C-alpha atoms as a PDB file:
ATOM      1  CA  UNK A   1      -0.468  41.450  55.846  1.00  0.00           C
ATOM      2  CA  UNK A   2       2.015  38.865  57.088  1.00  0.00           C
ATOM      3  CA  UNK A   3      -0.396  36.068  56.283  1.00  0.00           C
ATOM      4  CA  UNK A   4      -0.825  37.489  52.791  1.00  0.00           C
ATOM      5  CA  UNK A   5       2.952  37.512  52.187  1.00  0.00           C
ATOM      6  CA  UNK A   6       3.302  33.966  53.461  1.00  0.00           C
ATOM      7  CA  UNK A   7       0.412  32.823  51.275  1.00  0.00           C
ATOM      8  CA  UNK A   8       1.909  34.587  48.260  1.00  0.00           C
ATOM      9  CA  UNK A   9       5.312  32.971  48.876  1.00  0.00           C
ATOM     10  CA  UNK A  10       3.688  29.532  49.244  1.00  0.00           C
ATOM     11  CA  UNK A  11       1.705  29.934  46.013  1.00  0.00           C
ATOM     12  CA  UNK A  12       4.810  31.119  44.165  1.00  0.00           C
ATOM     13  CA  UNK A  13       6.794  28.174  45.575  1.00  0.00           C
ATOM     14  CA  UNK A  14       4.155  25.617  44.570  1.00  0.00           C
ATOM     15  CA  UNK A  15       3.843  27.153  41.128  1.00  0.00           C
ATOM     16  CA  UNK A  16       7.608  27.011  40.610  1.00  0.00           C
ATOM     17  CA  UNK A  17       7.769  23.437  41.908  1.00  0.00           C
ATOM     18  CA  UNK A  18       4.930  22.273  39.660  1.00  0.00           C
ATOM     19  CA  UNK A  19       6.442  23.869  36.590  1.00  0.00           C
ATOM     20  CA  UNK A  20       9.646  21.888  37.187  1.00  0.00           C
ATOM     21  CA  UNK A  21       7.831  18.557  37.420  1.00  0.00           C
ATOM     22  CA  UNK A  22       8.549  16.078  34.667  1.00  0.00           C
ATOM     23  CA  UNK A  23       5.542  15.622  32.413  1.00  0.00           C
ATOM     24  CA  UNK A  24       5.708  11.955  31.425  1.00  0.00           C
ATOM     25  CA  UNK A  25       2.726  12.349  29.107  1.00  0.00           C
ATOM     26  CA  UNK A  26       4.780  14.230  26.527  1.00  0.00           C
ATOM     27  CA  UNK A  27       5.887  12.183  23.523  1.00  0.00           C
ATOM     28  CA  UNK A  28       9.319  12.675  22.086  1.00  0.00           C
ATOM     29  CA  UNK A  29       9.770  13.410  18.423  1.00  0.00           C
ATOM     30  CA  UNK A  30      11.340   9.960  17.976  1.00  0.00           C
ATOM     31  CA  UNK A  31       8.346   8.246  19.602  1.00  0.00           C
ATOM     32  CA  UNK A  32       5.968  10.087  17.285  1.00  0.00           C
ATOM     33  CA  UNK A  33       8.093   9.128  14.254  1.00  0.00           C
ATOM     34  CA  UNK A  34       8.170   5.480  15.385  1.00  0.00           C
ATOM     35  CA  UNK A  35       4.389   5.487  15.807  1.00  0.00           C
ATOM     36  CA  UNK A  36       3.950   6.998  12.337  1.00  0.00           C
ATOM     37  CA  UNK A  37       6.205   4.353  10.786  1.00  0.00           C
ATOM     38  CA  UNK A  38       4.257   1.592  12.528  1.00  0.00           C
ATOM     39  CA  UNK A  39       1.011   3.090  11.206  1.00  0.00           C
ATOM     40  CA  UNK A  40       2.456   3.239   7.677  1.00  0.00           C
ATOM     41  CA  UNK A  41       3.561  -0.392   7.908  1.00  0.00           C
ATOM     42  CA  UNK A  42       0.111  -1.363   9.146  1.00  0.00           C
ATOM     43  CA  UNK A  43      -1.367   0.513   6.189  1.00  0.00           C
ATOM     44  CA  UNK A  44       0.825  -1.478   3.801  1.00  0.00           C
ATOM     45  CA  UNK A  45      -0.310  -4.785   5.295  1.00  0.00           C
ATOM     46  CA  UNK A  46      -3.935  -3.648   5.189  1.00  0.00           C
ATOM     47  CA  UNK A  47      -3.433  -2.894   1.489  1.00  0.00           C
ATOM     48  CA  UNK A  48      -1.922  -6.366   0.991  1.00  0.00           C
ATOM     49  CA  UNK A  49      -4.993  -7.830   2.679  1.00  0.00           C
ATOM     50  CA  UNK A  50      -7.265  -5.826   0.379  1.00  0.00           C
ATOM     51  CA  UNK A  51      -5.240  -6.990  -2.624  1.00  0.00           C
ATOM     52  CA  UNK A  52      -5.726 -10.592  -1.581  1.00  0.00           C
ATOM     53  CA  UNK A  53      -9.499 -10.258  -1.308  1.00  0.00           C
ATOM     54  CA  UNK A  54      -9.855  -8.361  -4.578  1.00  0.00           C
ATOM     55  CA  UNK A  55      -7.650 -10.845  -6.439  1.00  0.00           C
ATOM     56  CA  UNK A  56     -10.615 -13.080  -7.188  1.00  0.00           C
ATOM     57  CA  UNK A  57     -12.730 -10.157  -8.412  1.00  0.00           C
ATOM     58  CA  UNK A  58      -9.990  -9.120 -10.847  1.00  0.00           C
ATOM     59  CA  UNK A  59      -9.456 -12.720 -11.905  1.00  0.00           C
ATOM     60  CA  UNK A  60     -13.139 -13.035 -12.831  1.00  0.00           C
ATOM     61  CA  UNK A  61     -13.101  -9.610 -14.492  1.00  0.00           C
ATOM     62  CA  UNK A  62     -10.031 -10.634 -16.510  1.00  0.00           C
ATOM     63  CA  UNK A  63     -11.794 -13.763 -17.767  1.00  0.00           C
ATOM     64  CA  UNK A  64     -14.932 -11.790 -18.679  1.00  0.00           C
ATOM     65  CA  UNK A  65     -13.281  -8.673 -20.149  1.00  0.00           C
ATOM     66  CA  UNK A  66     -14.575  -9.041 -23.691  1.00  0.00           C
ATOM     67  CA  UNK A  67     -16.317  -5.700 -24.061  1.00  0.00           C
ATOM     68  CA  UNK A  68     -16.145  -2.186 -22.693  1.00  0.00           C
ATOM     69  CA  UNK A  69     -18.564  -1.747 -19.782  1.00  0.00           C
ATOM     70  CA  UNK A  70     -19.090   0.754 -16.995  1.00  0.00           C
ATOM     71  CA  UNK A  71     -18.299  -1.924 -14.429  1.00  0.00           C
ATOM     72  CA  UNK A  72     -15.017  -2.799 -16.113  1.00  0.00           C
ATOM     73  CA  UNK A  73     -14.180   0.907 -16.397  1.00  0.00           C
ATOM     74  CA  UNK A  74     -14.577   1.238 -12.629  1.00  0.00           C
ATOM     75  CA  UNK A  75     -12.545  -1.917 -12.033  1.00  0.00           C
ATOM     76  CA  UNK A  76      -9.791  -0.463 -14.227  1.00  0.00           C
ATOM     77  CA  UNK A  77      -9.831   2.709 -12.134  1.00  0.00           C
ATOM     78  CA  UNK A  78      -9.750   0.710  -8.903  1.00  0.00           C
ATOM     79  CA  UNK A  79      -6.947  -1.637 -10.003  1.00  0.00           C
ATOM     80  CA  UNK A  80      -4.840   1.298 -11.178  1.00  0.00           C
ATOM     81  CA  UNK A  81      -5.335   3.279  -7.976  1.00  0.00           C
ATOM     82  CA  UNK A  82      -4.752   0.169  -5.870  1.00  0.00           C
ATOM     83  CA  UNK A  83      -1.348  -0.421  -7.510  1.00  0.00           C
ATOM     84  CA  UNK A  84      -0.558   3.277  -7.091  1.00  0.00           C
ATOM     85  CA  UNK A  85      -1.455   3.131  -3.387  1.00  0.00           C
ATOM     86  CA  UNK A  86       0.975   0.249  -2.843  1.00  0.00           C
ATOM     87  CA  UNK A  87       3.788   2.137  -4.590  1.00  0.00           C
ATOM     88  CA  UNK A  88       2.994   5.329  -2.654  1.00  0.00           C
ATOM     89  CA  UNK A  89       3.014   3.506   0.681  1.00  0.00           C
ATOM     90  CA  UNK A  90       6.358   1.909  -0.175  1.00  0.00           C
ATOM     91  CA  UNK A  91       7.743   5.356  -1.008  1.00  0.00           C
ATOM     92  CA  UNK A  92       6.365   6.781   2.250  1.00  0.00           C
ATOM     93  CA  UNK A  93       8.108   4.017   4.191  1.00  0.00           C
ATOM     94  CA  UNK A  94      11.346   4.694   2.319  1.00  0.00           C
ATOM     95  CA  UNK A  95      11.347   1.212   0.775  1.00  0.00           C
ATOM     96  CA  UNK A  96      12.268   0.738  -2.876  1.00  0.00           C
ATOM     97  CA  UNK A  97       9.585  -1.521  -4.375  1.00  0.00           C
ATOM     98  CA  UNK A  98      11.884  -3.037  -7.021  1.00  0.00           C
ATOM     99  CA  UNK A  99      14.538  -3.867  -4.421  1.00  0.00           C
ATOM    100  CA  UNK A 100      11.884  -5.335  -2.137  1.00  0.00           C
ATOM    101  CA  UNK A 101      10.628  -7.534  -4.973  1.00  0.00           C
ATOM    102  CA  UNK A 102      14.213  -8.646  -5.638  1.00  0.00           C
ATOM    103  CA  UNK A 103      14.600  -9.527  -1.950  1.00  0.00           C
ATOM    104  CA  UNK A 104      11.382 -11.564  -2.129  1.00  0.00           C
ATOM    105  CA  UNK A 105      12.654 -13.415  -5.208  1.00  0.00           C
ATOM    106  CA  UNK A 106      15.912 -14.241  -3.405  1.00  0.00           C
ATOM    107  CA  UNK A 107      14.119 -15.517  -0.312  1.00  0.00           C
ATOM    108  CA  UNK A 108      15.349 -12.599   1.781  1.00  0.00           C
ATOM    109  CA  UNK A 109      13.330 -10.452   4.177  1.00  0.00           C
ATOM    110  CA  UNK A 110      10.742  -8.485   2.227  1.00  0.00           C
ATOM    111  CA  UNK A 111       7.716  -6.391   3.107  1.00  0.00           C
ATOM    112  CA  UNK A 112       5.878  -7.929   0.122  1.00  0.00           C
ATOM    113  CA  UNK A 113       4.214 -11.300   0.525  1.00  0.00           C
ATOM    114  CA  UNK A 114       3.796 -13.866  -2.231  1.00  0.00           C
ATOM    115  CA  UNK A 115      -0.006 -13.650  -1.906  1.00  0.00           C
ATOM    116  CA  UNK A 116       0.068  -9.859  -2.232  1.00  0.00           C
ATOM    117  CA  UNK A 117       2.389 -10.097  -5.237  1.00  0.00           C
ATOM    118  CA  UNK A 118       0.072 -12.629  -6.878  1.00  0.00           C
ATOM    119  CA  UNK A 119      -2.903 -10.348  -6.281  1.00  0.00           C
ATOM    120  CA  UNK A 120      -1.011  -7.359  -7.682  1.00  0.00           C
ATOM    121  CA  UNK A 121      -0.156  -9.458 -10.729  1.00  0.00           C
ATOM    122  CA  UNK A 122      -3.799 -10.440 -11.272  1.00  0.00           C
ATOM    123  CA  UNK A 123      -4.890  -6.800 -11.023  1.00  0.00           C
ATOM    124  CA  UNK A 124      -2.158  -5.813 -13.473  1.00  0.00           C
ATOM    125  CA  UNK A 125      -3.229  -8.521 -15.925  1.00  0.00           C
ATOM    126  CA  UNK A 126      -6.746  -7.101 -15.838  1.00  0.00           C
ATOM    127  CA  UNK A 127      -5.348  -3.594 -16.364  1.00  0.00           C
ATOM    128  CA  UNK A 128      -3.367  -4.784 -19.382  1.00  0.00           C
ATOM    129  CA  UNK A 129      -6.162  -6.761 -20.995  1.00  0.00           C
ATOM    130  CA  UNK A 130      -8.925  -4.230 -20.427  1.00  0.00           C
ATOM    131  CA  UNK A 131      -6.777  -1.232 -21.398  1.00  0.00           C
ATOM    132  CA  UNK A 132      -5.916  -2.952 -24.685  1.00  0.00           C
ATOM    133  CA  UNK A 133      -9.613  -3.692 -25.255  1.00  0.00           C
ATOM    134  CA  UNK A 134     -10.517  -0.046 -24.655  1.00  0.00           C
ATOM    135  CA  UNK A 135      -7.845   1.161 -27.091  1.00  0.00           C
ATOM    136  CA  UNK A 136      -8.919  -1.386 -29.709  1.00  0.00           C
ATOM    137  CA  UNK A 137     -12.569  -0.331 -29.397  1.00  0.00           C
ATOM    138  CA  UNK A 138     -11.693   3.365 -29.631  1.00  0.00           C
ATOM    139  CA  UNK A 139     -12.811   4.111 -26.059  1.00  0.00           C
ATOM    140  CA  UNK A 140     -10.922   6.730 -24.130  1.00  0.00           C
ATOM    141  CA  UNK A 141      -9.000   6.156 -20.935  1.00  0.00           C
ATOM    142  CA  UNK A 142      -8.595   9.181 -18.690  1.00  0.00           C
ATOM    143  CA  UNK A 143      -5.017  10.503 -18.638  1.00  0.00           C
ATOM    144  CA  UNK A 144      -4.735   9.880 -14.880  1.00  0.00           C
ATOM    145  CA  UNK A 145      -5.837   6.259 -15.159  1.00  0.00           C
ATOM    146  CA  UNK A 146      -3.619   5.735 -18.221  1.00  0.00           C
ATOM    147  CA  UNK A 147      -0.616   7.104 -16.332  1.00  0.00           C
ATOM    148  CA  UNK A 148      -1.311   4.980 -13.244  1.00  0.00           C
ATOM    149  CA  UNK A 149      -1.979   1.906 -15.398  1.00  0.00           C
ATOM    150  CA  UNK A 150       1.297   2.338 -17.271  1.00  0.00           C
ATOM    151  CA  UNK A 151       3.180   2.658 -13.981  1.00  0.00           C
ATOM    152  CA  UNK A 152       1.478  -0.464 -12.604  1.00  0.00           C
ATOM    153  CA  UNK A 153       2.307  -2.460 -15.725  1.00  0.00           C
ATOM    154  CA  UNK A 154       5.962  -1.367 -15.710  1.00  0.00           C
ATOM    155  CA  UNK A 155       6.735  -3.933 -12.992  1.00  0.00           C
ATOM    156  CA  UNK A 156       4.601  -6.720 -14.481  1.00  0.00           C
ATOM    157  CA  UNK A 157       7.417  -8.657 -16.229  1.00  0.00           C
ATOM    158  CA  UNK A 158       9.443  -8.645 -13.011  1.00  0.00           C
ATOM    159  CA  UNK A 159       6.390  -9.693 -10.975  1.00  0.00           C
ATOM    160  CA  UNK A 160       5.572 -12.604 -13.295  1.00  0.00           C
ATOM    161  CA  UNK A 161       9.200 -13.772 -13.281  1.00  0.00           C
ATOM    162  CA  UNK A 162       9.214 -13.838  -9.478  1.00  0.00           C
ATOM    163  CA  UNK A 163       5.937 -15.765  -9.381  1.00  0.00           C
ATOM    164  CA  UNK A 164       7.169 -18.310 -11.964  1.00  0.00           C
ATOM    165  CA  UNK A 165      10.312 -18.950  -9.917  1.00  0.00           C
ATOM    166  CA  UNK A 166       8.557 -19.106  -6.529  1.00  0.00           C
ATOM    167  CA  UNK A 167       7.672 -22.294  -4.752  1.00  0.00           C
ATOM    168  CA  UNK A 168       3.962 -22.901  -5.123  1.00  0.00           C
ATOM    169  CA  UNK A 169       3.265 -26.220  -3.386  1.00  0.00           C
ATOM    170  CA  UNK A 170      -0.461 -25.564  -3.058  1.00  0.00           C
ATOM    171  CA  UNK A 171      -0.838 -24.340  -6.645  1.00  0.00           C
ATOM    172  CA  UNK A 172      -2.668 -21.231  -5.491  1.00  0.00           C
ATOM    173  CA  UNK A 173      -0.794 -18.612  -7.501  1.00  0.00           C
ATOM    174  CA  UNK A 174      -3.715 -17.295  -9.528  1.00  0.00           C
ATOM    175  CA  UNK A 175      -1.858 -14.954 -11.879  1.00  0.00           C
ATOM    176  CA  UNK A 176       0.032 -17.729 -13.652  1.00  0.00           C
ATOM    177  CA  UNK A 177      -3.265 -19.451 -14.474  1.00  0.00           C
ATOM    178  CA  UNK A 178      -4.615 -16.459 -16.416  1.00  0.00           C
ATOM    179  CA  UNK A 179      -3.974 -16.757 -20.135  1.00  0.00           C
END
């Protein structure tokens, strides 16, 4: 019986000691929030990268948008959702897109890059041209795409102004070349 009591006391002591041990594997709320913000920022830069690579697709589509086609309809959907995704990510990060564009135009720190802005501009030019073509031809644009397109085009004058006033030593700003 004595051995049983001693064993019971030892087990209780070890259990109490282990429960007081610091668990360094636990993340604090602040660490989780920091990780989420880093992931959101990475998402924004991944979207900028996607914008850059789709810029040439939208540039070609802009040049060839002379009739309503299924392919152009899908490109309109994609361009509209792509612009919406950028705006949504900015909102999620707590960054005001208009203020960030202003910072870029003033040469201050900005999340937006000139290449991403150029790509956004090219996509918006396609949205504008193809949407007008659809309206002129009597084709319907879904209300969701129309709403997203209108929101994307709202910043277009500001975007073009920034691009016109930006240094472009290599002449690679595509949006300004589209007429």
